[in-house]
Amino acid sequence: MFIVIVHVSVKDDCIPDFIRETNLNASASLEEAGISFFDVIQHNDEPAKFLLMEVYKDEEASKAHKETAHYQKWRDAVADMMKEPRYSEKYHEIFPALEFWQKPA
């Protein structure tokens, strides 16, 4: 699996709009064959901070995701909502077993 954790810091007045746009992107992303999970989480104490946890079958699926219309729409829609540039970190699974992470066929 290829796991991407995206760190996002949003302008305070943009939080509702960011959540709306991100939920649309996440929902559409789950329809992609190469994505198993697309989680959006918000920091409890700092509500302008978000993490997107994207679990892909492989790195190629991650690259394909960036070519989709819904990702490009999201990217453009949220660009001016950022307090600072978002950044991502790449991971791979350890536990639970690989089967947990894979989307059912």
PDB file of N, CA and C in Angstrom:
ATOM      1  N   MET A   1       0.842  -1.175   0.000  1.00  0.00           N
ATOM      2  CA  MET A   1       0.000   0.000   0.000  1.00  0.00           C
ATOM      3  C   MET A   1       0.892   1.244   0.000  1.00  0.00           C
ATOM      4  N   PHE A   2       0.347   2.316  -0.519  1.00  0.00           N
ATOM      5  CA  PHE A   2       1.019   3.606  -0.569  1.00  0.00           C
ATOM      6  C   PHE A   2       0.113   4.576   0.160  1.00  0.00           C
ATOM      7  N   ILE A   3       0.562   5.060   1.306  1.00  0.00           N
ATOM      8  CA  ILE A   3      -0.263   5.884   2.180  1.00  0.00           C
ATOM      9  C   ILE A   3       0.293   7.301   2.189  1.00  0.00           C
ATOM     10  N   VAL A   4      -0.590   8.253   1.935  1.00  0.00           N
ATOM     11  CA  VAL A   4      -0.197   9.656   1.907  1.00  0.00           C
ATOM     12  C   VAL A   4      -0.964  10.383   3.007  1.00  0.00           C
ATOM     13  N   ILE A   5      -0.223  11.060   3.881  1.00  0.00           N
ATOM     14  CA  ILE A   5      -0.822  11.892   4.915  1.00  0.00           C
ATOM     15  C   ILE A   5      -0.574  13.341   4.494  1.00  0.00           C
ATOM     16  N   VAL A   6      -1.667  14.068   4.248  1.00  0.00           N
ATOM     17  CA  VAL A   6      -1.564  15.460   3.815  1.00  0.00           C
ATOM     18  C   VAL A   6      -1.904  16.354   5.009  1.00  0.00           C
ATOM     19  N   HIS A   7      -0.998  17.260   5.334  1.00  0.00           N
ATOM     20  CA  HIS A   7      -1.194  18.213   6.423  1.00  0.00           C
ATOM     21  C   HIS A   7      -1.680  19.525   5.824  1.00  0.00           C
ATOM     22  N   VAL A   8      -2.813  20.008   6.352  1.00  0.00           N
ATOM     23  CA  VAL A   8      -3.419  21.221   5.808  1.00  0.00           C
ATOM     24  C   VAL A   8      -3.739  22.178   6.951  1.00  0.00           C
ATOM     25  N   SER A   9      -3.374  23.432   6.766  1.00  0.00           N
ATOM     26  CA  SER A   9      -3.734  24.492   7.697  1.00  0.00           C
ATOM     27  C   SER A   9      -4.553  25.512   6.912  1.00  0.00           C
ATOM     28  N   VAL A  10      -5.797  25.717   7.356  1.00  0.00           N
ATOM     29  CA  VAL A  10      -6.776  26.512   6.618  1.00  0.00           C
ATOM     30  C   VAL A  10      -7.012  27.841   7.342  1.00  0.00           C
ATOM     31  N   LYS A  11      -7.283  28.880   6.580  1.00  0.00           N
ATOM     32  CA  LYS A  11      -7.669  30.162   7.176  1.00  0.00           C
ATOM     33  C   LYS A  11      -8.966  29.956   7.957  1.00  0.00           C
ATOM     34  N   ASP A  12      -9.047  30.570   9.131  1.00  0.00           N
ATOM     35  CA  ASP A  12     -10.192  30.354  10.025  1.00  0.00           C
ATOM     36  C   ASP A  12     -11.536  30.593   9.350  1.00  0.00           C
ATOM     37  N   ASP A  13     -11.636  31.629   8.544  1.00  0.00           N
ATOM     38  CA  ASP A  13     -12.925  31.942   7.924  1.00  0.00           C
ATOM     39  C   ASP A  13     -13.254  31.031   6.742  1.00  0.00           C
ATOM     40  N   CYS A  14     -12.339  30.139   6.391  1.00  0.00           N
ATOM     41  CA  CYS A  14     -12.548  29.232   5.257  1.00  0.00           C
ATOM     42  C   CYS A  14     -12.868  27.792   5.688  1.00  0.00           C
ATOM     43  N   ILE A  15     -12.900  27.549   6.979  1.00  0.00           N
ATOM     44  CA  ILE A  15     -13.075  26.177   7.469  1.00  0.00           C
ATOM     45  C   ILE A  15     -14.325  25.500   6.887  1.00  0.00           C
ATOM     46  N   PRO A  16     -15.511  26.104   6.973  1.00  0.00           N
ATOM     47  CA  PRO A  16     -16.697  25.405   6.423  1.00  0.00           C
ATOM     48  C   PRO A  16     -16.573  25.115   4.928  1.00  0.00           C
ATOM     49  N   ASP A  17     -16.053  26.071   4.170  1.00  0.00           N
ATOM     50  CA  ASP A  17     -15.892  25.865   2.732  1.00  0.00           C
ATOM     51  C   ASP A  17     -14.863  24.785   2.438  1.00  0.00           C
ATOM     52  N   PHE A  18     -13.782  24.766   3.212  1.00  0.00           N
ATOM     53  CA  PHE A  18     -12.760  23.738   3.029  1.00  0.00           C
ATOM     54  C   PHE A  18     -13.347  22.358   3.305  1.00  0.00           C
ATOM     55  N   ILE A  19     -14.094  22.238   4.377  1.00  0.00           N
ATOM     56  CA  ILE A  19     -14.707  20.948   4.712  1.00  0.00           C
ATOM     57  C   ILE A  19     -15.648  20.503   3.591  1.00  0.00           C
ATOM     58  N   ARG A  20     -16.473  21.405   3.102  1.00  0.00           N
ATOM     59  CA  ARG A  20     -17.405  21.063   2.023  1.00  0.00           C
ATOM     60  C   ARG A  20     -16.645  20.576   0.779  1.00  0.00           C
ATOM     61  N   GLU A  21     -15.667  21.318   0.338  1.00  0.00           N
ATOM     62  CA  GLU A  21     -14.917  20.952  -0.867  1.00  0.00           C
ATOM     63  C   GLU A  21     -14.134  19.654  -0.668  1.00  0.00           C
ATOM     64  N   THR A  22     -13.579  19.493   0.513  1.00  0.00           N
ATOM     65  CA  THR A  22     -12.778  18.303   0.790  1.00  0.00           C
ATOM     66  C   THR A  22     -13.655  17.064   0.881  1.00  0.00           C
ATOM     67  N   ASN A  23     -14.839  17.196   1.461  1.00  0.00           N
ATOM     68  CA  ASN A  23     -15.753  16.056   1.517  1.00  0.00           C
ATOM     69  C   ASN A  23     -16.189  15.630   0.121  1.00  0.00           C
ATOM     70  N   LEU A  24     -16.419  16.590  -0.770  1.00  0.00           N
ATOM     71  CA  LEU A  24     -16.770  16.252  -2.156  1.00  0.00           C
ATOM     72  C   LEU A  24     -15.636  15.486  -2.826  1.00  0.00           C
ATOM     73  N   ASN A  25     -14.421  15.961  -2.643  1.00  0.00           N
ATOM     74  CA  ASN A  25     -13.259  15.288  -3.229  1.00  0.00           C
ATOM     75  C   ASN A  25     -13.065  13.897  -2.628  1.00  0.00           C
ATOM     76  N   ALA A  26     -13.172  13.781  -1.320  1.00  0.00           N
ATOM     77  CA  ALA A  26     -12.970  12.493  -0.658  1.00  0.00           C
ATOM     78  C   ALA A  26     -14.021  11.481  -1.119  1.00  0.00           C
ATOM     79  N   SER A  27     -15.268  11.915  -1.204  1.00  0.00           N
ATOM     80  CA  SER A  27     -16.338  11.006  -1.647  1.00  0.00           C
ATOM     81  C   SER A  27     -16.088  10.501  -3.061  1.00  0.00           C
ATOM     82  N   ALA A  28     -15.721  11.397  -3.948  1.00  0.00           N
ATOM     83  CA  ALA A  28     -15.434  10.995  -5.333  1.00  0.00           C
ATOM     84  C   ALA A  28     -14.183  10.122  -5.395  1.00  0.00           C
ATOM     85  N   SER A  29     -13.215  10.409  -4.561  1.00  0.00           N
ATOM     86  CA  SER A  29     -11.967   9.638  -4.553  1.00  0.00           C
ATOM     87  C   SER A  29     -12.204   8.184  -4.179  1.00  0.00           C
ATOM     88  N   LEU A  30     -13.144   7.948  -3.286  1.00  0.00           N
ATOM     89  CA  LEU A  30     -13.435   6.577  -2.870  1.00  0.00           C
ATOM     90  C   LEU A  30     -13.993   5.729  -4.001  1.00  0.00           C
ATOM     91  N   GLU A  31     -14.427   6.362  -5.073  1.00  0.00           N
ATOM     92  CA  GLU A  31     -14.918   5.634  -6.248  1.00  0.00           C
ATOM     93  C   GLU A  31     -13.772   5.176  -7.149  1.00  0.00           C
ATOM     94  N   GLU A  32     -12.580   5.683  -6.929  1.00  0.00           N
ATOM     95  CA  GLU A  32     -11.422   5.289  -7.731  1.00  0.00           C
ATOM     96  C   GLU A  32     -10.997   3.865  -7.348  1.00  0.00           C
ATOM     97  N   ALA A  33     -10.678   3.071  -8.355  1.00  0.00           N
ATOM     98  CA  ALA A  33     -10.299   1.674  -8.121  1.00  0.00           C
ATOM     99  C   ALA A  33      -9.046   1.543  -7.266  1.00  0.00           C
ATOM    100  N   GLY A  34      -8.131   2.493  -7.346  1.00  0.00           N
ATOM    101  CA  GLY A  34      -6.853   2.384  -6.644  1.00  0.00           C
ATOM    102  C   GLY A  34      -6.831   2.948  -5.248  1.00  0.00           C
ATOM    103  N   ILE A  35      -7.977   3.423  -4.741  1.00  0.00           N
ATOM    104  CA  ILE A  35      -8.030   4.013  -3.398  1.00  0.00           C
ATOM    105  C   ILE A  35      -8.846   3.117  -2.470  1.00  0.00           C
ATOM    106  N   SER A  36      -8.248   2.781  -1.317  1.00  0.00           N
ATOM    107  CA  SER A  36      -8.941   1.977  -0.308  1.00  0.00           C
ATOM    108  C   SER A  36      -9.606   2.839   0.750  1.00  0.00           C
ATOM    109  N   PHE A  37      -8.915   3.890   1.180  1.00  0.00           N
ATOM    110  CA  PHE A  37      -9.419   4.791   2.217  1.00  0.00           C
ATOM    111  C   PHE A  37      -9.096   6.227   1.809  1.00  0.00           C
ATOM    112  N   PHE A  38      -9.955   7.130   2.207  1.00  0.00           N
ATOM    113  CA  PHE A  38      -9.684   8.560   2.061  1.00  0.00           C
ATOM    114  C   PHE A  38     -10.339   9.222   3.258  1.00  0.00           C
ATOM    115  N   ASP A  39      -9.572   9.383   4.318  1.00  0.00           N
ATOM    116  CA  ASP A  39     -10.100   9.914   5.568  1.00  0.00           C
ATOM    117  C   ASP A  39      -9.754  11.394   5.697  1.00  0.00           C
ATOM    118  N   VAL A  40     -10.686  12.163   6.214  1.00  0.00           N
ATOM    119  CA  VAL A  40     -10.489  13.583   6.477  1.00  0.00           C
ATOM    120  C   VAL A  40     -10.710  13.775   7.967  1.00  0.00           C
ATOM    121  N   ILE A  41      -9.689  14.276   8.667  1.00  0.00           N
ATOM    122  CA  ILE A  41      -9.829  14.484  10.102  1.00  0.00           C
ATOM    123  C   ILE A  41      -9.412  15.913  10.459  1.00  0.00           C
ATOM    124  N   GLN A  42     -10.031  16.412  11.533  1.00  0.00           N
ATOM    125  CA  GLN A  42      -9.822  17.794  11.970  1.00  0.00           C
ATOM    126  C   GLN A  42      -9.268  17.781  13.387  1.00  0.00           C
ATOM    127  N   HIS A  43      -8.313  18.635  13.634  1.00  0.00           N
ATOM    128  CA  HIS A  43      -7.686  18.746  14.951  1.00  0.00           C
ATOM    129  C   HIS A  43      -8.711  19.249  15.974  1.00  0.00           C
ATOM    130  N   ASN A  44      -8.745  18.635  17.153  1.00  0.00           N
ATOM    131  CA  ASN A  44      -9.711  19.024  18.193  1.00  0.00           C
ATOM    132  C   ASN A  44      -9.456  20.415  18.759  1.00  0.00           C
ATOM    133  N   ASP A  45      -8.198  20.726  19.041  1.00  0.00           N
ATOM    134  CA  ASP A  45      -7.860  21.986  19.699  1.00  0.00           C
ATOM    135  C   ASP A  45      -7.545  23.116  18.725  1.00  0.00           C
ATOM    136  N   GLU A  46      -7.207  22.757  17.500  1.00  0.00           N
ATOM    137  CA  GLU A  46      -6.894  23.750  16.470  1.00  0.00           C
ATOM    138  C   GLU A  46      -7.722  23.420  15.228  1.00  0.00           C
ATOM    139  N   PRO A  47      -8.977  23.848  15.202  1.00  0.00           N
ATOM    140  CA  PRO A  47      -9.903  23.421  14.151  1.00  0.00           C
ATOM    141  C   PRO A  47      -9.519  23.839  12.732  1.00  0.00           C
ATOM    142  N   ALA A  48      -8.526  24.673  12.578  1.00  0.00           N
ATOM    143  CA  ALA A  48      -8.075  25.052  11.232  1.00  0.00           C
ATOM    144  C   ALA A  48      -7.052  24.061  10.678  1.00  0.00           C
ATOM    145  N   LYS A  49      -6.697  23.055  11.469  1.00  0.00           N
ATOM    146  CA  LYS A  49      -5.734  22.040  11.035  1.00  0.00           C
ATOM    147  C   LYS A  49      -6.455  20.747  10.683  1.00  0.00           C
ATOM    148  N   PHE A  50      -6.070  20.199   9.531  1.00  0.00           N
ATOM    149  CA  PHE A  50      -6.672  18.971   9.017  1.00  0.00           C
ATOM    150  C   PHE A  50      -5.591  18.008   8.565  1.00  0.00           C
ATOM    151  N   LEU A  51      -5.937  16.735   8.607  1.00  0.00           N
ATOM    152  CA  LEU A  51      -5.128  15.696   7.979  1.00  0.00           C
ATOM    153  C   LEU A  51      -6.011  14.951   7.000  1.00  0.00           C
ATOM    154  N   LEU A  52      -5.472  14.686   5.841  1.00  0.00           N
ATOM    155  CA  LEU A  52      -6.118  13.813   4.873  1.00  0.00           C
ATOM    156  C   LEU A  52      -5.276  12.552   4.823  1.00  0.00           C
ATOM    157  N   MET A  53      -5.889  11.412   5.088  1.00  0.00           N
ATOM    158  CA  MET A  53      -5.173  10.143   5.013  1.00  0.00           C
ATOM    159  C   MET A  53      -5.691   9.388   3.806  1.00  0.00           C
ATOM    160  N   GLU A  54      -4.829   9.260   2.824  1.00  0.00           N
ATOM    161  CA  GLU A  54      -5.192   8.650   1.553  1.00  0.00           C
ATOM    162  C   GLU A  54      -4.433   7.333   1.416  1.00  0.00           C
ATOM    163  N   VAL A  55      -5.160   6.233   1.292  1.00  0.00           N
ATOM    164  CA  VAL A  55      -4.541   4.913   1.197  1.00  0.00           C
ATOM    165  C   VAL A  55      -4.770   4.387  -0.215  1.00  0.00           C
ATOM    166  N   TYR A  56      -3.664   4.247  -0.936  1.00  0.00           N
ATOM    167  CA  TYR A  56      -3.683   3.815  -2.333  1.00  0.00           C
ATOM    168  C   TYR A  56      -3.146   2.395  -2.468  1.00  0.00           C
ATOM    169  N   LYS A  57      -3.572   1.738  -3.536  1.00  0.00           N
ATOM    170  CA  LYS A  57      -3.060   0.400  -3.857  1.00  0.00           C
ATOM    171  C   LYS A  57      -1.549   0.464  -4.082  1.00  0.00           C
ATOM    172  N   ASP A  58      -1.102   1.509  -4.749  1.00  0.00           N
ATOM    173  CA  ASP A  58       0.322   1.682  -5.039  1.00  0.00           C
ATOM    174  C   ASP A  58       0.569   3.135  -5.433  1.00  0.00           C
ATOM    175  N   GLU A  59       1.818   3.462  -5.682  1.00  0.00           N
ATOM    176  CA  GLU A  59       2.171   4.840  -6.019  1.00  0.00           C
ATOM    177  C   GLU A  59       1.534   5.285  -7.331  1.00  0.00           C
ATOM    178  N   GLU A  60       1.361   4.369  -8.262  1.00  0.00           N
ATOM    179  CA  GLU A  60       0.715   4.703  -9.539  1.00  0.00           C
ATOM    180  C   GLU A  60      -0.720   5.164  -9.330  1.00  0.00           C
ATOM    181  N   ALA A  61      -1.428   4.548  -8.398  1.00  0.00           N
ATOM    182  CA  ALA A  61      -2.808   4.960  -8.098  1.00  0.00           C
ATOM    183  C   ALA A  61      -2.835   6.374  -7.521  1.00  0.00           C
ATOM    184  N   SER A  62      -1.818   6.709  -6.747  1.00  0.00           N
ATOM    185  CA  SER A  62      -1.713   8.063  -6.207  1.00  0.00           C
ATOM    186  C   SER A  62      -1.511   9.070  -7.337  1.00  0.00           C
ATOM    187  N   LYS A  63      -0.658   8.726  -8.277  1.00  0.00           N
ATOM    188  CA  LYS A  63      -0.422   9.607  -9.427  1.00  0.00           C
ATOM    189  C   LYS A  63      -1.686   9.740 -10.267  1.00  0.00           C
ATOM    190  N   ALA A  64      -2.411   8.648 -10.464  1.00  0.00           N
ATOM    191  CA  ALA A  64      -3.652   8.672 -11.244  1.00  0.00           C
ATOM    192  C   ALA A  64      -4.697   9.559 -10.564  1.00  0.00           C
ATOM    193  N   HIS A  65      -4.732   9.534  -9.240  1.00  0.00           N
ATOM    194  CA  HIS A  65      -5.678  10.363  -8.485  1.00  0.00           C
ATOM    195  C   HIS A  65      -5.493  11.837  -8.824  1.00  0.00           C
ATOM    196  N   LYS A  66      -4.261  12.258  -8.955  1.00  0.00           N
ATOM    197  CA  LYS A  66      -3.984  13.675  -9.240  1.00  0.00           C
ATOM    198  C   LYS A  66      -4.413  14.086 -10.646  1.00  0.00           C
ATOM    199  N   GLU A  67      -4.728  13.123 -11.487  1.00  0.00           N
ATOM    200  CA  GLU A  67      -5.192  13.412 -12.849  1.00  0.00           C
ATOM    201  C   GLU A  67      -6.716  13.490 -12.945  1.00  0.00           C
ATOM    202  N   THR A  68      -7.420  13.164 -11.860  1.00  0.00           N
ATOM    203  CA  THR A  68      -8.885  13.148 -11.907  1.00  0.00           C
ATOM    204  C   THR A  68      -9.449  14.566 -11.864  1.00  0.00           C
ATOM    205  N   ALA A  69     -10.615  14.726 -12.459  1.00  0.00           N
ATOM    206  CA  ALA A  69     -11.287  16.030 -12.468  1.00  0.00           C
ATOM    207  C   ALA A  69     -11.652  16.473 -11.050  1.00  0.00           C
ATOM    208  N   HIS A  70     -12.096  15.516 -10.193  1.00  0.00           N
ATOM    209  CA  HIS A  70     -12.502  15.927  -8.841  1.00  0.00           C
ATOM    210  C   HIS A  70     -11.310  16.400  -8.013  1.00  0.00           C
ATOM    211  N   TYR A  71     -10.144  15.778  -8.175  1.00  0.00           N
ATOM    212  CA  TYR A  71      -8.965  16.253  -7.445  1.00  0.00           C
ATOM    213  C   TYR A  71      -8.569  17.646  -7.932  1.00  0.00           C
ATOM    214  N   GLN A  72      -8.524  17.830  -9.237  1.00  0.00           N
ATOM    215  CA  GLN A  72      -8.110  19.118  -9.787  1.00  0.00           C
ATOM    216  C   GLN A  72      -9.082  20.229  -9.395  1.00  0.00           C
ATOM    217  N   LYS A  73     -10.381  19.906  -9.354  1.00  0.00           N
ATOM    218  CA  LYS A  73     -11.375  20.878  -8.895  1.00  0.00           C
ATOM    219  C   LYS A  73     -11.118  21.235  -7.433  1.00  0.00           C
ATOM    220  N   TRP A  74     -10.870  20.206  -6.600  1.00  0.00           N
ATOM    221  CA  TRP A  74     -10.588  20.452  -5.177  1.00  0.00           C
ATOM    222  C   TRP A  74      -9.332  21.300  -5.022  1.00  0.00           C
ATOM    223  N   ARG A  75      -8.265  20.914  -5.692  1.00  0.00           N
ATOM    224  CA  ARG A  75      -6.977  21.625  -5.603  1.00  0.00           C
ATOM    225  C   ARG A  75      -7.166  23.109  -5.899  1.00  0.00           C
ATOM    226  N   ASP A  76      -7.890  23.416  -6.957  1.00  0.00           N
ATOM    227  CA  ASP A  76      -8.103  24.808  -7.343  1.00  0.00           C
ATOM    228  C   ASP A  76      -9.042  25.526  -6.376  1.00  0.00           C
ATOM    229  N   ALA A  77     -10.073  24.825  -5.914  1.00  0.00           N
ATOM    230  CA  ALA A  77     -11.062  25.440  -5.023  1.00  0.00           C
ATOM    231  C   ALA A  77     -10.474  25.814  -3.671  1.00  0.00           C
ATOM    232  N   VAL A  78      -9.555  25.002  -3.147  1.00  0.00           N
ATOM    233  CA  VAL A  78      -9.029  25.248  -1.795  1.00  0.00           C
ATOM    234  C   VAL A  78      -7.714  26.022  -1.783  1.00  0.00           C
ATOM    235  N   ALA A  79      -7.149  26.298  -2.931  1.00  0.00           N
ATOM    236  CA  ALA A  79      -5.825  26.937  -2.996  1.00  0.00           C
ATOM    237  C   ALA A  79      -5.750  28.220  -2.168  1.00  0.00           C
ATOM    238  N   ASP A  80      -6.746  29.073  -2.275  1.00  0.00           N
ATOM    239  CA  ASP A  80      -6.723  30.345  -1.552  1.00  0.00           C
ATOM    240  C   ASP A  80      -7.215  30.231  -0.111  1.00  0.00           C
ATOM    241  N   MET A  81      -7.624  29.023   0.289  1.00  0.00           N
ATOM    242  CA  MET A  81      -8.102  28.810   1.659  1.00  0.00           C
ATOM    243  C   MET A  81      -6.962  28.479   2.615  1.00  0.00           C
ATOM    244  N   MET A  82      -5.784  28.198   2.088  1.00  0.00           N
ATOM    245  CA  MET A  82      -4.665  27.735   2.913  1.00  0.00           C
ATOM    246  C   MET A  82      -3.997  28.881   3.680  1.00  0.00           C
ATOM    247  N   LYS A  83      -3.703  28.638   4.960  1.00  0.00           N
ATOM    248  CA  LYS A  83      -2.892  29.567   5.750  1.00  0.00           C
ATOM    249  C   LYS A  83      -1.438  29.488   5.303  1.00  0.00           C
ATOM    250  N   GLU A  84      -1.048  28.296   4.925  1.00  0.00           N
ATOM    251  CA  GLU A  84       0.320  28.012   4.495  1.00  0.00           C
ATOM    252  C   GLU A  84       0.242  26.847   3.523  1.00  0.00           C
ATOM    253  N   PRO A  85       1.273  26.635   2.740  1.00  0.00           N
ATOM    254  CA  PRO A  85       1.206  25.523   1.777  1.00  0.00           C
ATOM    255  C   PRO A  85       1.011  24.178   2.477  1.00  0.00           C
ATOM    256  N   ARG A  86       0.145  23.355   1.917  1.00  0.00           N
ATOM    257  CA  ARG A  86      -0.039  22.012   2.466  1.00  0.00           C
ATOM    258  C   ARG A  86       1.198  21.182   2.122  1.00  0.00           C
ATOM    259  N   TYR A  87       1.405  20.128   2.902  1.00  0.00           N
ATOM    260  CA  TYR A  87       2.516  19.224   2.605  1.00  0.00           C
ATOM    261  C   TYR A  87       2.087  17.809   2.916  1.00  0.00           C
ATOM    262  N   SER A  88       2.782  16.865   2.297  1.00  0.00           N
ATOM    263  CA  SER A  88       2.420  15.464   2.497  1.00  0.00           C
ATOM    264  C   SER A  88       3.621  14.643   2.906  1.00  0.00           C
ATOM    265  N   GLU A  89       3.314  13.519   3.541  1.00  0.00           N
ATOM    266  CA  GLU A  89       4.307  12.523   3.937  1.00  0.00           C
ATOM    267  C   GLU A  89       3.834  11.186   3.406  1.00  0.00           C
ATOM    268  N   LYS A  90       4.774  10.347   3.002  1.00  0.00           N
ATOM    269  CA  LYS A  90       4.446   9.041   2.430  1.00  0.00           C
ATOM    270  C   LYS A  90       4.785   7.945   3.444  1.00  0.00           C
ATOM    271  N   TYR A  91       3.883   6.950   3.529  1.00  0.00           N
ATOM    272  CA  TYR A  91       4.034   5.836   4.463  1.00  0.00           C
ATOM    273  C   TYR A  91       3.657   4.525   3.780  1.00  0.00           C
ATOM    274  N   HIS A  92       3.890   3.419   4.488  1.00  0.00           N
ATOM    275  CA  HIS A  92       3.392   2.114   4.065  1.00  0.00           C
ATOM    276  C   HIS A  92       2.859   1.395   5.307  1.00  0.00           C
ATOM    277  N   GLU A  93       2.046   0.385   5.073  1.00  0.00           N
ATOM    278  CA  GLU A  93       1.371  -0.314   6.167  1.00  0.00           C
ATOM    279  C   GLU A  93       2.325  -1.227   6.938  1.00  0.00           C
ATOM    280  N   ILE A  94       2.056  -1.378   8.217  1.00  0.00           N
ATOM    281  CA  ILE A  94       2.732  -2.349   9.081  1.00  0.00           C
ATOM    282  C   ILE A  94       1.662  -3.237   9.727  1.00  0.00           C
ATOM    283  N   PHE A  95       0.734  -2.610  10.420  1.00  0.00           N
ATOM    284  CA  PHE A  95      -0.357  -3.302  11.086  1.00  0.00           C
ATOM    285  C   PHE A  95      -1.591  -2.427  10.973  1.00  0.00           C
ATOM    286  N   PRO A  96      -2.739  -2.975  10.730  1.00  0.00           N
ATOM    287  CA  PRO A  96      -3.049  -4.384  10.556  1.00  0.00           C
ATOM    288  C   PRO A  96      -2.512  -4.936   9.239  1.00  0.00           C
ATOM    289  N   ALA A  97      -2.794  -6.206   9.028  1.00  0.00           N
ATOM    290  CA  ALA A  97      -2.293  -6.912   7.851  1.00  0.00           C
ATOM    291  C   ALA A  97      -2.759  -6.227   6.569  1.00  0.00           C
ATOM    292  N   LEU A  98      -2.023  -6.463   5.508  1.00  0.00           N
ATOM    293  CA  LEU A  98      -2.288  -5.853   4.205  1.00  0.00           C
ATOM    294  C   LEU A  98      -3.740  -6.016   3.770  1.00  0.00           C
ATOM    295  N   GLU A  99      -4.333  -7.140   4.042  1.00  0.00           N
ATOM    296  CA  GLU A  99      -5.720  -7.408   3.617  1.00  0.00           C
ATOM    297  C   GLU A  99      -6.696  -6.368   4.176  1.00  0.00           C
ATOM    298  N   PHE A 100      -6.428  -5.860   5.365  1.00  0.00           N
ATOM    299  CA  PHE A 100      -7.287  -4.832   5.961  1.00  0.00           C
ATOM    300  C   PHE A 100      -7.340  -3.574   5.098  1.00  0.00           C
ATOM    301  N   TRP A 101      -6.211  -3.214   4.538  1.00  0.00           N
ATOM    302  CA  TRP A 101      -6.069  -1.961   3.802  1.00  0.00           C
ATOM    303  C   TRP A 101      -6.628  -2.044   2.385  1.00  0.00           C
ATOM    304  N   GLN A 102      -6.765  -3.237   1.860  1.00  0.00           N
ATOM    305  CA  GLN A 102      -7.175  -3.381   0.468  1.00  0.00           C
ATOM    306  C   GLN A 102      -8.684  -3.256   0.320  1.00  0.00           C
ATOM    307  N   LYS A 103      -9.088  -2.569  -0.749  1.00  0.00           N
ATOM    308  CA  LYS A 103     -10.511  -2.413  -1.064  1.00  0.00           C
ATOM    309  C   LYS A 103     -11.030  -3.765  -1.544  1.00  0.00           C
ATOM    310  N   PRO A 104     -12.198  -4.189  -1.051  1.00  0.00           N
ATOM    311  CA  PRO A 104     -12.759  -5.458  -1.528  1.00  0.00           C
ATOM    312  C   PRO A 104     -13.005  -5.397  -3.030  1.00  0.00           C
ATOM    313  N   ALA A 105     -12.777  -6.511  -3.691  1.00  0.00           N
ATOM    314  CA  ALA A 105     -12.952  -6.571  -5.155  1.00  0.00           C
ATOM    315  C   ALA A 105     -14.409  -6.541  -5.542  1.00  0.00           C
TER     316      ALA A 105
END
